[in-house]
Amino acid sequence: MNAHCPYCHSARIITNDYGRKVGGAVGTAAGVASVVPRTIIAVEVGAMASAITGPVGFMAGSVAGFVLSGLIGGYVGNKAGTALGEVIDENILDNYRCLDCTKHFSRPSQTERPRHEEYEGDLE
């Protein structure tokens, strides 16, 4: 069964995913911002782990700790924001748009498109 527009019964529908996109962006920013206080600890751990190799290792370890901390925070924030955005898309926003009649709607019709078939047989 294909999804169809409830207005014109076209199968040419797309999703806007505005909630998912905005949620992912806000979640990424919030995730990176939430790890800033912990970044100092990550930099210290990275620096201590590479202190044996000298000043170059010390700097490389510090930068690696800083970058990994930001990447992990951004990734986790993105996943949480995207999940929340999907819920908003499906339950609050008119997430679907018909490409034929350009109307927006919440959920596509799950019924089969009406077919206009010619009868091929004898009427009894």
PDB file of N, CA and C in Angstrom:
ATOM      1  N   MET A   1       0.834  -1.173   0.000  1.00  0.00           N
ATOM      2  CA  MET A   1       0.000   0.000   0.000  1.00  0.00           C
ATOM      3  C   MET A   1       0.885   1.245   0.000  1.00  0.00           C
ATOM      4  N   ASN A   2       0.607   2.129  -0.889  1.00  0.00           N
ATOM      5  CA  ASN A   2       1.352   3.378  -0.967  1.00  0.00           C
ATOM      6  C   ASN A   2       0.596   4.487  -0.252  1.00  0.00           C
ATOM      7  N   ALA A   3       1.336   5.471   0.207  1.00  0.00           N
ATOM      8  CA  ALA A   3       0.724   6.626   0.836  1.00  0.00           C
ATOM      9  C   ALA A   3       0.250   7.590  -0.244  1.00  0.00           C
ATOM     10  N   HIS A   4      -0.889   8.212  -0.006  1.00  0.00           N
ATOM     11  CA  HIS A   4      -1.480   9.125  -0.985  1.00  0.00           C
ATOM     12  C   HIS A   4      -1.945  10.406  -0.313  1.00  0.00           C
ATOM     13  N   CYS A   5      -2.013  11.453  -1.109  1.00  0.00           N
ATOM     14  CA  CYS A   5      -2.513  12.737  -0.643  1.00  0.00           C
ATOM     15  C   CYS A   5      -4.001  12.609  -0.317  1.00  0.00           C
ATOM     16  N   PRO A   6      -4.445  13.091   0.842  1.00  0.00           N
ATOM     17  CA  PRO A   6      -5.864  12.998   1.177  1.00  0.00           C
ATOM     18  C   PRO A   6      -6.738  13.944   0.355  1.00  0.00           C
ATOM     19  N   TYR A   7      -6.146  14.901  -0.348  1.00  0.00           N
ATOM     20  CA  TYR A   7      -6.916  15.861  -1.133  1.00  0.00           C
ATOM     21  C   TYR A   7      -7.085  15.432  -2.581  1.00  0.00           C
ATOM     22  N   CYS A   8      -5.968  15.077  -3.238  1.00  0.00           N
ATOM     23  CA  CYS A   8      -6.055  14.745  -4.665  1.00  0.00           C
ATOM     24  C   CYS A   8      -5.694  13.288  -4.958  1.00  0.00           C
ATOM     25  N   HIS A   9      -5.352  12.522  -3.945  1.00  0.00           N
ATOM     26  CA  HIS A   9      -5.013  11.102  -4.039  1.00  0.00           C
ATOM     27  C   HIS A   9      -3.762  10.826  -4.860  1.00  0.00           C
ATOM     28  N   SER A  10      -2.900  11.807  -4.977  1.00  0.00           N
ATOM     29  CA  SER A  10      -1.638  11.617  -5.690  1.00  0.00           C
ATOM     30  C   SER A  10      -0.660  10.844  -4.806  1.00  0.00           C
ATOM     31  N   ALA A  11       0.171  10.041  -5.445  1.00  0.00           N
ATOM     32  CA  ALA A  11       1.206   9.305  -4.706  1.00  0.00           C
ATOM     33  C   ALA A  11       2.501  10.106  -4.622  1.00  0.00           C
ATOM     34  N   ARG A  12       2.535  11.281  -5.214  1.00  0.00           N
ATOM     35  CA  ARG A  12       3.740  12.113  -5.228  1.00  0.00           C
ATOM     36  C   ARG A  12       3.753  13.041  -4.011  1.00  0.00           C
ATOM     37  N   ILE A  13       4.128  12.479  -2.867  1.00  0.00           N
ATOM     38  CA  ILE A  13       4.207  13.274  -1.650  1.00  0.00           C
ATOM     39  C   ILE A  13       5.622  13.200  -1.088  1.00  0.00           C
ATOM     40  N   ILE A  14       6.018  14.275  -0.403  1.00  0.00           N
ATOM     41  CA  ILE A  14       7.335  14.339   0.229  1.00  0.00           C
ATOM     42  C   ILE A  14       7.160  14.788   1.676  1.00  0.00           C
ATOM     43  N   THR A  15       8.200  14.599   2.466  1.00  0.00           N
ATOM     44  CA  THR A  15       8.175  15.084   3.842  1.00  0.00           C
ATOM     45  C   THR A  15       9.044  16.328   3.950  1.00  0.00           C
ATOM     46  N   ASN A  16       8.601  17.274   4.757  1.00  0.00           N
ATOM     47  CA  ASN A  16       9.366  18.504   4.963  1.00  0.00           C
ATOM     48  C   ASN A  16      10.457  18.323   6.010  1.00  0.00           C
ATOM     49  N   ASP A  17      10.173  17.589   7.083  1.00  0.00           N
ATOM     50  CA  ASP A  17      11.119  17.302   8.165  1.00  0.00           C
ATOM     51  C   ASP A  17      11.713  18.554   8.796  1.00  0.00           C
ATOM     52  N   TYR A  18      10.913  19.594   8.957  1.00  0.00           N
ATOM     53  CA  TYR A  18      11.413  20.825   9.573  1.00  0.00           C
ATOM     54  C   TYR A  18      11.792  20.604  11.037  1.00  0.00           C
ATOM     55  N   GLY A  19      10.960  19.884  11.764  1.00  0.00           N
ATOM     56  CA  GLY A  19      11.243  19.623  13.171  1.00  0.00           C
ATOM     57  C   GLY A  19      12.520  18.824  13.349  1.00  0.00           C
ATOM     58  N   ARG A  20      12.711  17.851  12.487  1.00  0.00           N
ATOM     59  CA  ARG A  20      13.915  17.018  12.561  1.00  0.00           C
ATOM     60  C   ARG A  20      15.171  17.829  12.270  1.00  0.00           C
ATOM     61  N   LYS A  21      15.106  18.679  11.257  1.00  0.00           N
ATOM     62  CA  LYS A  21      16.271  19.494  10.888  1.00  0.00           C
ATOM     63  C   LYS A  21      16.616  20.512  11.975  1.00  0.00           C
ATOM     64  N   VAL A  22      15.610  21.221  12.454  1.00  0.00           N
ATOM     65  CA  VAL A  22      15.845  22.227  13.493  1.00  0.00           C
ATOM     66  C   VAL A  22      16.261  21.550  14.794  1.00  0.00           C
ATOM     67  N   GLY A  23      15.612  20.448  15.141  1.00  0.00           N
ATOM     68  CA  GLY A  23      15.965  19.720  16.352  1.00  0.00           C
ATOM     69  C   GLY A  23      17.399  19.219  16.318  1.00  0.00           C
ATOM     70  N   GLY A  24      17.836  18.725  15.162  1.00  0.00           N
ATOM     71  CA  GLY A  24      19.213  18.260  15.034  1.00  0.00           C
ATOM     72  C   GLY A  24      20.221  19.385  15.184  1.00  0.00           C
ATOM     73  N   ALA A  25      19.929  20.531  14.578  1.00  0.00           N
ATOM     74  CA  ALA A  25      20.851  21.674  14.676  1.00  0.00           C
ATOM     75  C   ALA A  25      20.922  22.220  16.097  1.00  0.00           C
ATOM     76  N   VAL A  26      19.759  22.391  16.727  1.00  0.00           N
ATOM     77  CA  VAL A  26      19.733  22.900  18.100  1.00  0.00           C
ATOM     78  C   VAL A  26      20.371  21.893  19.051  1.00  0.00           C
ATOM     79  N   GLY A  27      20.100  20.611  18.826  1.00  0.00           N
ATOM     80  CA  GLY A  27      20.687  19.573  19.667  1.00  0.00           C
ATOM     81  C   GLY A  27      22.197  19.521  19.553  1.00  0.00           C
ATOM     82  N   THR A  28      22.716  19.705  18.338  1.00  0.00           N
ATOM     83  CA  THR A  28      24.165  19.718  18.149  1.00  0.00           C
ATOM     84  C   THR A  28      24.795  20.885  18.897  1.00  0.00           C
ATOM     85  N   ALA A  29      24.208  22.063  18.746  1.00  0.00           N
ATOM     86  CA  ALA A  29      24.739  23.240  19.443  1.00  0.00           C
ATOM     87  C   ALA A  29      24.663  23.066  20.959  1.00  0.00           C
ATOM     88  N   ALA A  30      23.550  22.532  21.437  1.00  0.00           N
ATOM     89  CA  ALA A  30      23.404  22.325  22.880  1.00  0.00           C
ATOM     90  C   ALA A  30      24.371  21.255  23.385  1.00  0.00           C
ATOM     91  N   GLY A  31      24.588  20.226  22.587  1.00  0.00           N
ATOM     92  CA  GLY A  31      25.521  19.177  22.985  1.00  0.00           C
ATOM     93  C   GLY A  31      26.946  19.678  23.086  1.00  0.00           C
ATOM     94  N   VAL A  32      27.362  20.488  22.115  1.00  0.00           N
ATOM     95  CA  VAL A  32      28.708  21.055  22.159  1.00  0.00           C
ATOM     96  C   VAL A  32      28.829  22.020  23.333  1.00  0.00           C
ATOM     97  N   ALA A  33      27.812  22.836  23.529  1.00  0.00           N
ATOM     98  CA  ALA A  33      27.858  23.806  24.628  1.00  0.00           C
ATOM     99  C   ALA A  33      27.855  23.118  25.993  1.00  0.00           C
ATOM    100  N   SER A  34      27.199  21.980  26.090  1.00  0.00           N
ATOM    101  CA  SER A  34      27.124  21.303  27.387  1.00  0.00           C
ATOM    102  C   SER A  34      28.449  20.658  27.793  1.00  0.00           C
ATOM    103  N   VAL A  35      29.319  20.388  26.824  1.00  0.00           N
ATOM    104  CA  VAL A  35      30.592  19.753  27.171  1.00  0.00           C
ATOM    105  C   VAL A  35      31.712  20.761  27.392  1.00  0.00           C
ATOM    106  N   VAL A  36      31.458  22.043  27.171  1.00  0.00           N
ATOM    107  CA  VAL A  36      32.513  23.052  27.351  1.00  0.00           C
ATOM    108  C   VAL A  36      33.102  23.012  28.767  1.00  0.00           C
ATOM    109  N   PRO A  37      32.287  22.939  29.834  1.00  0.00           N
ATOM    110  CA  PRO A  37      32.899  22.864  31.167  1.00  0.00           C
ATOM    111  C   PRO A  37      33.737  21.597  31.377  1.00  0.00           C
ATOM    112  N   ARG A  38      33.338  20.513  30.728  1.00  0.00           N
ATOM    113  CA  ARG A  38      34.072  19.264  30.874  1.00  0.00           C
ATOM    114  C   ARG A  38      35.262  19.174  29.939  1.00  0.00           C
ATOM    115  N   THR A  39      35.351  20.098  29.008  1.00  0.00           N
ATOM    116  CA  THR A  39      36.439  20.071  28.041  1.00  0.00           C
ATOM    117  C   THR A  39      37.790  20.273  28.715  1.00  0.00           C
ATOM    118  N   ILE A  40      37.835  21.053  29.756  1.00  0.00           N
ATOM    119  CA  ILE A  40      39.090  21.276  30.476  1.00  0.00           C
ATOM    120  C   ILE A  40      39.621  19.952  31.020  1.00  0.00           C
ATOM    121  N   ILE A  41      38.739  19.130  31.541  1.00  0.00           N
ATOM    122  CA  ILE A  41      39.150  17.822  32.048  1.00  0.00           C
ATOM    123  C   ILE A  41      39.649  16.951  30.900  1.00  0.00           C
ATOM    124  N   ALA A  42      38.929  16.975  29.758  1.00  0.00           N
ATOM    125  CA  ALA A  42      39.342  16.176  28.607  1.00  0.00           C
ATOM    126  C   ALA A  42      40.709  16.627  28.096  1.00  0.00           C
ATOM    127  N   VAL A  43      40.955  17.931  28.088  1.00  0.00           N
ATOM    128  CA  VAL A  43      42.254  18.452  27.651  1.00  0.00           C
ATOM    129  C   VAL A  43      43.347  17.991  28.611  1.00  0.00           C
ATOM    130  N   GLU A  44      43.072  18.032  29.909  1.00  0.00           N
ATOM    131  CA  GLU A  44      44.066  17.593  30.889  1.00  0.00           C
ATOM    132  C   GLU A  44      44.370  16.102  30.754  1.00  0.00           C
ATOM    133  N   VAL A  45      43.335  15.309  30.532  1.00  0.00           N
ATOM    134  CA  VAL A  45      43.546  13.865  30.360  1.00  0.00           C
ATOM    135  C   VAL A  45      44.347  13.597  29.101  1.00  0.00           C
ATOM    136  N   GLY A  46      44.011  14.272  28.019  1.00  0.00           N
ATOM    137  CA  GLY A  46      44.757  14.102  26.771  1.00  0.00           C
ATOM    138  C   GLY A  46      46.195  14.544  26.908  1.00  0.00           C
ATOM    139  N   ALA A  47      46.413  15.614  27.647  1.00  0.00           N
ATOM    140  CA  ALA A  47      47.773  16.111  27.838  1.00  0.00           C
ATOM    141  C   ALA A  47      48.581  15.165  28.713  1.00  0.00           C
ATOM    142  N   MET A  48      47.966  14.637  29.757  1.00  0.00           N
ATOM    143  CA  MET A  48      48.683  13.716  30.641  1.00  0.00           C
ATOM    144  C   MET A  48      49.001  12.410  29.921  1.00  0.00           C
ATOM    145  N   ALA A  49      48.090  11.966  29.076  1.00  0.00           N
ATOM    146  CA  ALA A  49      48.320  10.708  28.368  1.00  0.00           C
ATOM    147  C   ALA A  49      49.474  10.810  27.388  1.00  0.00           C
ATOM    148  N   SER A  50      49.725  11.997  26.873  1.00  0.00           N
ATOM    149  CA  SER A  50      50.780  12.139  25.870  1.00  0.00           C
ATOM    150  C   SER A  50      51.976  12.940  26.381  1.00  0.00           C
ATOM    151  N   ALA A  51      52.043  13.175  27.685  1.00  0.00           N
ATOM    152  CA  ALA A  51      53.138  13.975  28.252  1.00  0.00           C
ATOM    153  C   ALA A  51      54.488  13.281  28.115  1.00  0.00           C
ATOM    154  N   ILE A  52      54.474  12.000  27.969  1.00  0.00           N
ATOM    155  CA  ILE A  52      55.719  11.228  27.860  1.00  0.00           C
ATOM    156  C   ILE A  52      56.473  11.593  26.581  1.00  0.00           C
ATOM    157  N   THR A  53      55.758  11.950  25.546  1.00  0.00           N
ATOM    158  CA  THR A  53      56.391  12.209  24.250  1.00  0.00           C
ATOM    159  C   THR A  53      56.938  13.624  24.126  1.00  0.00           C
ATOM    160  N   GLY A  54      56.770  14.440  25.131  1.00  0.00           N
ATOM    161  CA  GLY A  54      57.352  15.777  25.077  1.00  0.00           C
ATOM    162  C   GLY A  54      56.337  16.840  24.727  1.00  0.00           C
ATOM    163  N   PRO A  55      56.839  18.052  24.392  1.00  0.00           N
ATOM    164  CA  PRO A  55      55.929  19.179  24.137  1.00  0.00           C
ATOM    165  C   PRO A  55      54.991  18.957  22.953  1.00  0.00           C
ATOM    166  N   VAL A  56      55.486  18.319  21.903  1.00  0.00           N
ATOM    167  CA  VAL A  56      54.623  18.079  20.737  1.00  0.00           C
ATOM    168  C   VAL A  56      53.504  17.120  21.111  1.00  0.00           C
ATOM    169  N   GLY A  57      53.832  16.067  21.829  1.00  0.00           N
ATOM    170  CA  GLY A  57      52.824  15.114  22.285  1.00  0.00           C
ATOM    171  C   GLY A  57      51.851  15.743  23.250  1.00  0.00           C
ATOM    172  N   PHE A  58      52.354  16.634  24.100  1.00  0.00           N
ATOM    173  CA  PHE A  58      51.506  17.342  25.059  1.00  0.00           C
ATOM    174  C   PHE A  58      50.460  18.174  24.326  1.00  0.00           C
ATOM    175  N   MET A  59      50.883  18.908  23.320  1.00  0.00           N
ATOM    176  CA  MET A  59      49.951  19.745  22.538  1.00  0.00           C
ATOM    177  C   MET A  59      48.980  18.890  21.738  1.00  0.00           C
ATOM    178  N   ALA A  60      49.498  17.833  21.128  1.00  0.00           N
ATOM    179  CA  ALA A  60      48.632  16.954  20.332  1.00  0.00           C
ATOM    180  C   ALA A  60      47.574  16.302  21.219  1.00  0.00           C
ATOM    181  N   GLY A  61      47.977  15.851  22.394  1.00  0.00           N
ATOM    182  CA  GLY A  61      47.021  15.243  23.317  1.00  0.00           C
ATOM    183  C   GLY A  61      45.981  16.228  23.811  1.00  0.00           C
ATOM    184  N   SER A  62      46.397  17.457  24.059  1.00  0.00           N
ATOM    185  CA  SER A  62      45.450  18.491  24.507  1.00  0.00           C
ATOM    186  C   SER A  62      44.415  18.785  23.428  1.00  0.00           C
ATOM    187  N   VAL A  63      44.896  18.951  22.199  1.00  0.00           N
ATOM    188  CA  VAL A  63      43.988  19.247  21.088  1.00  0.00           C
ATOM    189  C   VAL A  63      43.063  18.064  20.828  1.00  0.00           C
ATOM    190  N   ALA A  64      43.604  16.850  20.885  1.00  0.00           N
ATOM    191  CA  ALA A  64      42.780  15.662  20.662  1.00  0.00           C
ATOM    192  C   ALA A  64      41.686  15.557  21.726  1.00  0.00           C
ATOM    193  N   GLY A  65      42.020  15.816  22.972  1.00  0.00           N
ATOM    194  CA  GLY A  65      41.009  15.782  24.037  1.00  0.00           C
ATOM    195  C   GLY A  65      39.926  16.820  23.832  1.00  0.00           C
ATOM    196  N   PHE A  66      40.330  18.002  23.387  1.00  0.00           N
ATOM    197  CA  PHE A  66      39.374  19.081  23.126  1.00  0.00           C
ATOM    198  C   PHE A  66      38.436  18.716  21.981  1.00  0.00           C
ATOM    199  N   VAL A  67      38.995  18.235  20.880  1.00  0.00           N
ATOM    200  CA  VAL A  67      38.201  17.915  19.688  1.00  0.00           C
ATOM    201  C   VAL A  67      37.269  16.739  19.955  1.00  0.00           C
ATOM    202  N   LEU A  68      37.777  15.690  20.567  1.00  0.00           N
ATOM    203  CA  LEU A  68      36.930  14.523  20.838  1.00  0.00           C
ATOM    204  C   LEU A  68      35.792  14.859  21.787  1.00  0.00           C
ATOM    205  N   SER A  69      36.053  15.686  22.764  1.00  0.00           N
ATOM    206  CA  SER A  69      35.006  16.101  23.693  1.00  0.00           C
ATOM    207  C   SER A  69      33.883  16.828  22.942  1.00  0.00           C
ATOM    208  N   GLY A  70      34.250  17.757  22.073  1.00  0.00           N
ATOM    209  CA  GLY A  70      33.247  18.494  21.297  1.00  0.00           C
ATOM    210  C   GLY A  70      32.489  17.607  20.330  1.00  0.00           C
ATOM    211  N   LEU A  71      33.193  16.676  19.687  1.00  0.00           N
ATOM    212  CA  LEU A  71      32.530  15.777  18.729  1.00  0.00           C
ATOM    213  C   LEU A  71      31.530  14.858  19.415  1.00  0.00           C
ATOM    214  N   ILE A  72      31.914  14.325  20.547  1.00  0.00           N
ATOM    215  CA  ILE A  72      31.006  13.421  21.258  1.00  0.00           C
ATOM    216  C   ILE A  72      29.780  14.178  21.760  1.00  0.00           C
ATOM    217  N   GLY A  73      29.992  15.356  22.329  1.00  0.00           N
ATOM    218  CA  GLY A  73      28.857  16.159  22.795  1.00  0.00           C
ATOM    219  C   GLY A  73      27.935  16.561  21.660  1.00  0.00           C
ATOM    220  N   GLY A  74      28.505  16.958  20.526  1.00  0.00           N
ATOM    221  CA  GLY A  74      27.700  17.334  19.372  1.00  0.00           C
ATOM    222  C   GLY A  74      26.918  16.168  18.810  1.00  0.00           C
ATOM    223  N   TYR A  75      27.531  14.989  18.765  1.00  0.00           N
ATOM    224  CA  TYR A  75      26.869  13.802  18.232  1.00  0.00           C
ATOM    225  C   TYR A  75      25.683  13.407  19.104  1.00  0.00           C
ATOM    226  N   VAL A  76      25.905  13.351  20.404  1.00  0.00           N
ATOM    227  CA  VAL A  76      24.826  12.964  21.324  1.00  0.00           C
ATOM    228  C   VAL A  76      23.700  13.998  21.283  1.00  0.00           C
ATOM    229  N   GLY A  77      24.042  15.276  21.259  1.00  0.00           N
ATOM    230  CA  GLY A  77      23.026  16.320  21.172  1.00  0.00           C
ATOM    231  C   GLY A  77      22.246  16.254  19.871  1.00  0.00           C
ATOM    232  N   ASN A  78      22.924  15.951  18.771  1.00  0.00           N
ATOM    233  CA  ASN A  78      22.268  15.833  17.474  1.00  0.00           C
ATOM    234  C   ASN A  78      21.272  14.693  17.482  1.00  0.00           C
ATOM    235  N   LYS A  79      21.659  13.552  18.014  1.00  0.00           N
ATOM    236  CA  LYS A  79      20.751  12.398  18.039  1.00  0.00           C
ATOM    237  C   LYS A  79      19.521  12.678  18.896  1.00  0.00           C
ATOM    238  N   ALA A  80      19.712  13.312  20.039  1.00  0.00           N
ATOM    239  CA  ALA A  80      18.580  13.635  20.903  1.00  0.00           C
ATOM    240  C   ALA A  80      17.661  14.666  20.243  1.00  0.00           C
ATOM    241  N   GLY A  81      18.239  15.699  19.643  1.00  0.00           N
ATOM    242  CA  GLY A  81      17.439  16.725  18.973  1.00  0.00           C
ATOM    243  C   GLY A  81      16.697  16.190  17.766  1.00  0.00           C
ATOM    244  N   THR A  82      17.326  15.304  17.006  1.00  0.00           N
ATOM    245  CA  THR A  82      16.681  14.707  15.836  1.00  0.00           C
ATOM    246  C   THR A  82      15.509  13.832  16.251  1.00  0.00           C
ATOM    247  N   ALA A  83      15.683  13.054  17.312  1.00  0.00           N
ATOM    248  CA  ALA A  83      14.597  12.203  17.800  1.00  0.00           C
ATOM    249  C   ALA A  83      13.407  13.037  18.260  1.00  0.00           C
ATOM    250  N   LEU A  84      13.678  14.117  18.977  1.00  0.00           N
ATOM    251  CA  LEU A  84      12.602  15.003  19.415  1.00  0.00           C
ATOM    252  C   LEU A  84      11.933  15.670  18.218  1.00  0.00           C
ATOM    253  N   GLY A  85      12.722  16.080  17.230  1.00  0.00           N
ATOM    254  CA  GLY A  85      12.170  16.701  16.036  1.00  0.00           C
ATOM    255  C   GLY A  85      11.284  15.764  15.240  1.00  0.00           C
ATOM    256  N   GLU A  86      11.630  14.485  15.191  1.00  0.00           N
ATOM    257  CA  GLU A  86      10.789  13.514  14.488  1.00  0.00           C
ATOM    258  C   GLU A  86       9.430  13.365  15.159  1.00  0.00           C
ATOM    259  N   VAL A  87       9.428  13.376  16.484  1.00  0.00           N
ATOM    260  CA  VAL A  87       8.164  13.297  17.220  1.00  0.00           C
ATOM    261  C   VAL A  87       7.314  14.530  16.922  1.00  0.00           C
ATOM    262  N   ILE A  88       7.938  15.691  16.888  1.00  0.00           N
ATOM    263  CA  ILE A  88       7.209  16.925  16.579  1.00  0.00           C
ATOM    264  C   ILE A  88       6.685  16.896  15.152  1.00  0.00           C
ATOM    265  N   ASP A  89       7.504  16.412  14.206  1.00  0.00           N
ATOM    266  CA  ASP A  89       7.062  16.307  12.814  1.00  0.00           C
ATOM    267  C   ASP A  89       5.833  15.428  12.676  1.00  0.00           C
ATOM    268  N   GLU A  90       5.850  14.285  13.327  1.00  0.00           N
ATOM    269  CA  GLU A  90       4.763  13.315  13.159  1.00  0.00           C
ATOM    270  C   GLU A  90       3.497  13.684  13.914  1.00  0.00           C
ATOM    271  N   ASN A  91       3.619  14.414  15.026  1.00  0.00           N
ATOM    272  CA  ASN A  91       2.442  14.642  15.866  1.00  0.00           C
ATOM    273  C   ASN A  91       1.929  16.070  15.893  1.00  0.00           C
ATOM    274  N   ILE A  92       2.750  17.048  15.516  1.00  0.00           N
ATOM    275  CA  ILE A  92       2.323  18.439  15.644  1.00  0.00           C
ATOM    276  C   ILE A  92       2.277  19.143  14.285  1.00  0.00           C
ATOM    277  N   LEU A  93       3.336  19.036  13.515  1.00  0.00           N
ATOM    278  CA  LEU A  93       3.434  19.788  12.269  1.00  0.00           C
ATOM    279  C   LEU A  93       2.767  19.064  11.101  1.00  0.00           C
ATOM    280  N   ASP A  94       2.388  19.830  10.093  1.00  0.00           N
ATOM    281  CA  ASP A  94       1.944  19.248   8.825  1.00  0.00           C
ATOM    282  C   ASP A  94       3.202  18.898   8.044  1.00  0.00           C
ATOM    283  N   ASN A  95       3.696  17.690   8.233  1.00  0.00           N
ATOM    284  CA  ASN A  95       5.011  17.301   7.733  1.00  0.00           C
ATOM    285  C   ASN A  95       5.010  16.889   6.271  1.00  0.00           C
ATOM    286  N   TYR A  96       3.864  16.547   5.716  1.00  0.00           N
ATOM    287  CA  TYR A  96       3.821  16.035   4.347  1.00  0.00           C
ATOM    288  C   TYR A  96       3.331  17.112   3.386  1.00  0.00           C
ATOM    289  N   ARG A  97       3.842  17.043   2.146  1.00  0.00           N
ATOM    290  CA  ARG A  97       3.420  17.985   1.112  1.00  0.00           C
ATOM    291  C   ARG A  97       3.221  17.227  -0.191  1.00  0.00           C
ATOM    292  N   CYS A  98       2.107  17.492  -0.826  1.00  0.00           N
ATOM    293  CA  CYS A  98       1.801  16.879  -2.108  1.00  0.00           C
ATOM    294  C   CYS A  98       2.479  17.680  -3.214  1.00  0.00           C
ATOM    295  N   LEU A  99       3.154  17.004  -4.102  1.00  0.00           N
ATOM    296  CA  LEU A  99       3.823  17.688  -5.204  1.00  0.00           C
ATOM    297  C   LEU A  99       2.860  18.069  -6.323  1.00  0.00           C
ATOM    298  N   ASP A 100       1.684  17.454  -6.347  1.00  0.00           N
ATOM    299  CA  ASP A 100       0.716  17.772  -7.400  1.00  0.00           C
ATOM    300  C   ASP A 100      -0.196  18.935  -7.024  1.00  0.00           C
ATOM    301  N   CYS A 101      -0.809  18.884  -5.838  1.00  0.00           N
ATOM    302  CA  CYS A 101      -1.731  19.960  -5.455  1.00  0.00           C
ATOM    303  C   CYS A 101      -1.091  20.944  -4.471  1.00  0.00           C
ATOM    304  N   THR A 102       0.130  20.707  -4.043  1.00  0.00           N
ATOM    305  CA  THR A 102       0.945  21.547  -3.149  1.00  0.00           C
ATOM    306  C   THR A 102       0.321  21.778  -1.771  1.00  0.00           C
ATOM    307  N   LYS A 103      -0.617  20.934  -1.342  1.00  0.00           N
ATOM    308  CA  LYS A 103      -1.205  21.081  -0.015  1.00  0.00           C
ATOM    309  C   LYS A 103      -0.343  20.365   1.014  1.00  0.00           C
ATOM    310  N   HIS A 104      -0.359  20.901   2.233  1.00  0.00           N
ATOM    311  CA  HIS A 104       0.360  20.308   3.361  1.00  0.00           C
ATOM    312  C   HIS A 104      -0.642  19.567   4.232  1.00  0.00           C
ATOM    313  N   PHE A 105      -0.219  18.447   4.809  1.00  0.00           N
ATOM    314  CA  PHE A 105      -1.107  17.682   5.662  1.00  0.00           C
ATOM    315  C   PHE A 105      -0.279  16.878   6.661  1.00  0.00           C
ATOM    316  N   SER A 106      -0.967  16.394   7.720  1.00  0.00           N
ATOM    317  CA  SER A 106      -0.271  15.710   8.806  1.00  0.00           C
ATOM    318  C   SER A 106       0.093  14.277   8.465  1.00  0.00           C
ATOM    319  N   ARG A 107      -0.854  13.513   8.045  1.00  0.00           N
ATOM    320  CA  ARG A 107      -0.584  12.108   7.733  1.00  0.00           C
ATOM    321  C   ARG A 107      -1.177  11.764   6.374  1.00  0.00           C
ATOM    322  N   PRO A 108      -0.412  11.038   5.563  1.00  0.00           N
ATOM    323  CA  PRO A 108      -0.950  10.654   4.262  1.00  0.00           C
ATOM    324  C   PRO A 108      -2.004   9.570   4.412  1.00  0.00           C
ATOM    325  N   SER A 109      -2.889   9.511   3.449  1.00  0.00           N
ATOM    326  CA  SER A 109      -3.900   8.477   3.418  1.00  0.00           C
ATOM    327  C   SER A 109      -3.228   7.150   3.080  1.00  0.00           C
ATOM    328  N   GLN A 110      -3.558   6.105   3.812  1.00  0.00           N
ATOM    329  CA  GLN A 110      -2.941   4.798   3.588  1.00  0.00           C
ATOM    330  C   GLN A 110      -3.823   3.885   2.745  1.00  0.00           C
ATOM    331  N   THR A 111      -4.853   4.415   2.162  1.00  0.00           N
ATOM    332  CA  THR A 111      -5.728   3.590   1.340  1.00  0.00           C
ATOM    333  C   THR A 111      -5.204   3.555  -0.081  1.00  0.00           C
ATOM    334  N   GLU A 112      -5.618   2.544  -0.782  1.00  0.00           N
ATOM    335  CA  GLU A 112      -5.224   2.432  -2.177  1.00  0.00           C
ATOM    336  C   GLU A 112      -5.860   3.554  -2.981  1.00  0.00           C
ATOM    337  N   ARG A 113      -5.145   4.010  -3.969  1.00  0.00           N
ATOM    338  CA  ARG A 113      -5.676   5.037  -4.860  1.00  0.00           C
ATOM    339  C   ARG A 113      -6.839   4.454  -5.657  1.00  0.00           C
ATOM    340  N   PRO A 114      -7.926   5.182  -5.764  1.00  0.00           N
ATOM    341  CA  PRO A 114      -9.069   4.652  -6.517  1.00  0.00           C
ATOM    342  C   PRO A 114      -8.669   4.416  -7.972  1.00  0.00           C
ATOM    343  N   ARG A 115      -9.041   3.263  -8.457  1.00  0.00           N
ATOM    344  CA  ARG A 115      -8.698   2.910  -9.836  1.00  0.00           C
ATOM    345  C   ARG A 115      -9.950   2.932 -10.689  1.00  0.00           C
ATOM    346  N   HIS A 116      -9.785   3.416 -11.865  1.00  0.00           N
ATOM    347  CA  HIS A 116     -10.885   3.453 -12.823  1.00  0.00           C
ATOM    348  C   HIS A 116     -10.564   2.429 -13.903  1.00  0.00           C
ATOM    349  N   GLU A 117     -10.956   1.181 -13.612  1.00  0.00           N
ATOM    350  CA  GLU A 117     -10.659   0.105 -14.542  1.00  0.00           C
ATOM    351  C   GLU A 117     -11.897  -0.207 -15.369  1.00  0.00           C
ATOM    352  N   GLU A 118     -11.638  -0.591 -16.556  1.00  0.00           N
ATOM    353  CA  GLU A 118     -12.739  -1.011 -17.412  1.00  0.00           C
ATOM    354  C   GLU A 118     -13.076  -2.464 -17.122  1.00  0.00           C
ATOM    355  N   TYR A 119     -14.329  -2.763 -17.124  1.00  0.00           N
ATOM    356  CA  TYR A 119     -14.771  -4.122 -16.872  1.00  0.00           C
ATOM    357  C   TYR A 119     -14.543  -4.944 -18.113  1.00  0.00           C
ATOM    358  N   GLU A 120     -13.873  -6.070 -17.936  1.00  0.00           N
ATOM    359  CA  GLU A 120     -13.589  -6.934 -19.072  1.00  0.00           C
ATOM    360  C   GLU A 120     -14.311  -8.261 -18.845  1.00  0.00           C
ATOM    361  N   GLY A 121     -15.486  -8.314 -19.230  1.00  0.00           N
ATOM    362  CA  GLY A 121     -16.227  -9.570 -19.050  1.00  0.00           C
ATOM    363  C   GLY A 121     -17.693  -9.355 -19.338  1.00  0.00           C
ATOM    364  N   ASP A 122     -18.420 -10.450 -19.328  1.00  0.00           N
ATOM    365  CA  ASP A 122     -19.847 -10.407 -19.599  1.00  0.00           C
ATOM    366  C   ASP A 122     -20.608 -10.155 -18.312  1.00  0.00           C
ATOM    367  N   LEU A 123     -21.637  -9.342 -18.414  1.00  0.00           N
ATOM    368  CA  LEU A 123     -22.523  -9.118 -17.292  1.00  0.00           C
ATOM    369  C   LEU A 123     -23.554 -10.233 -17.292  1.00  0.00           C
ATOM    370  N   GLU A 124     -23.770 -10.855 -16.170  1.00  0.00           N
ATOM    371  CA  GLU A 124     -24.743 -11.944 -16.108  1.00  0.00           C
ATOM    372  C   GLU A 124     -25.923 -11.552 -15.309  1.00  0.00           C
TER     373      GLU A 124
END
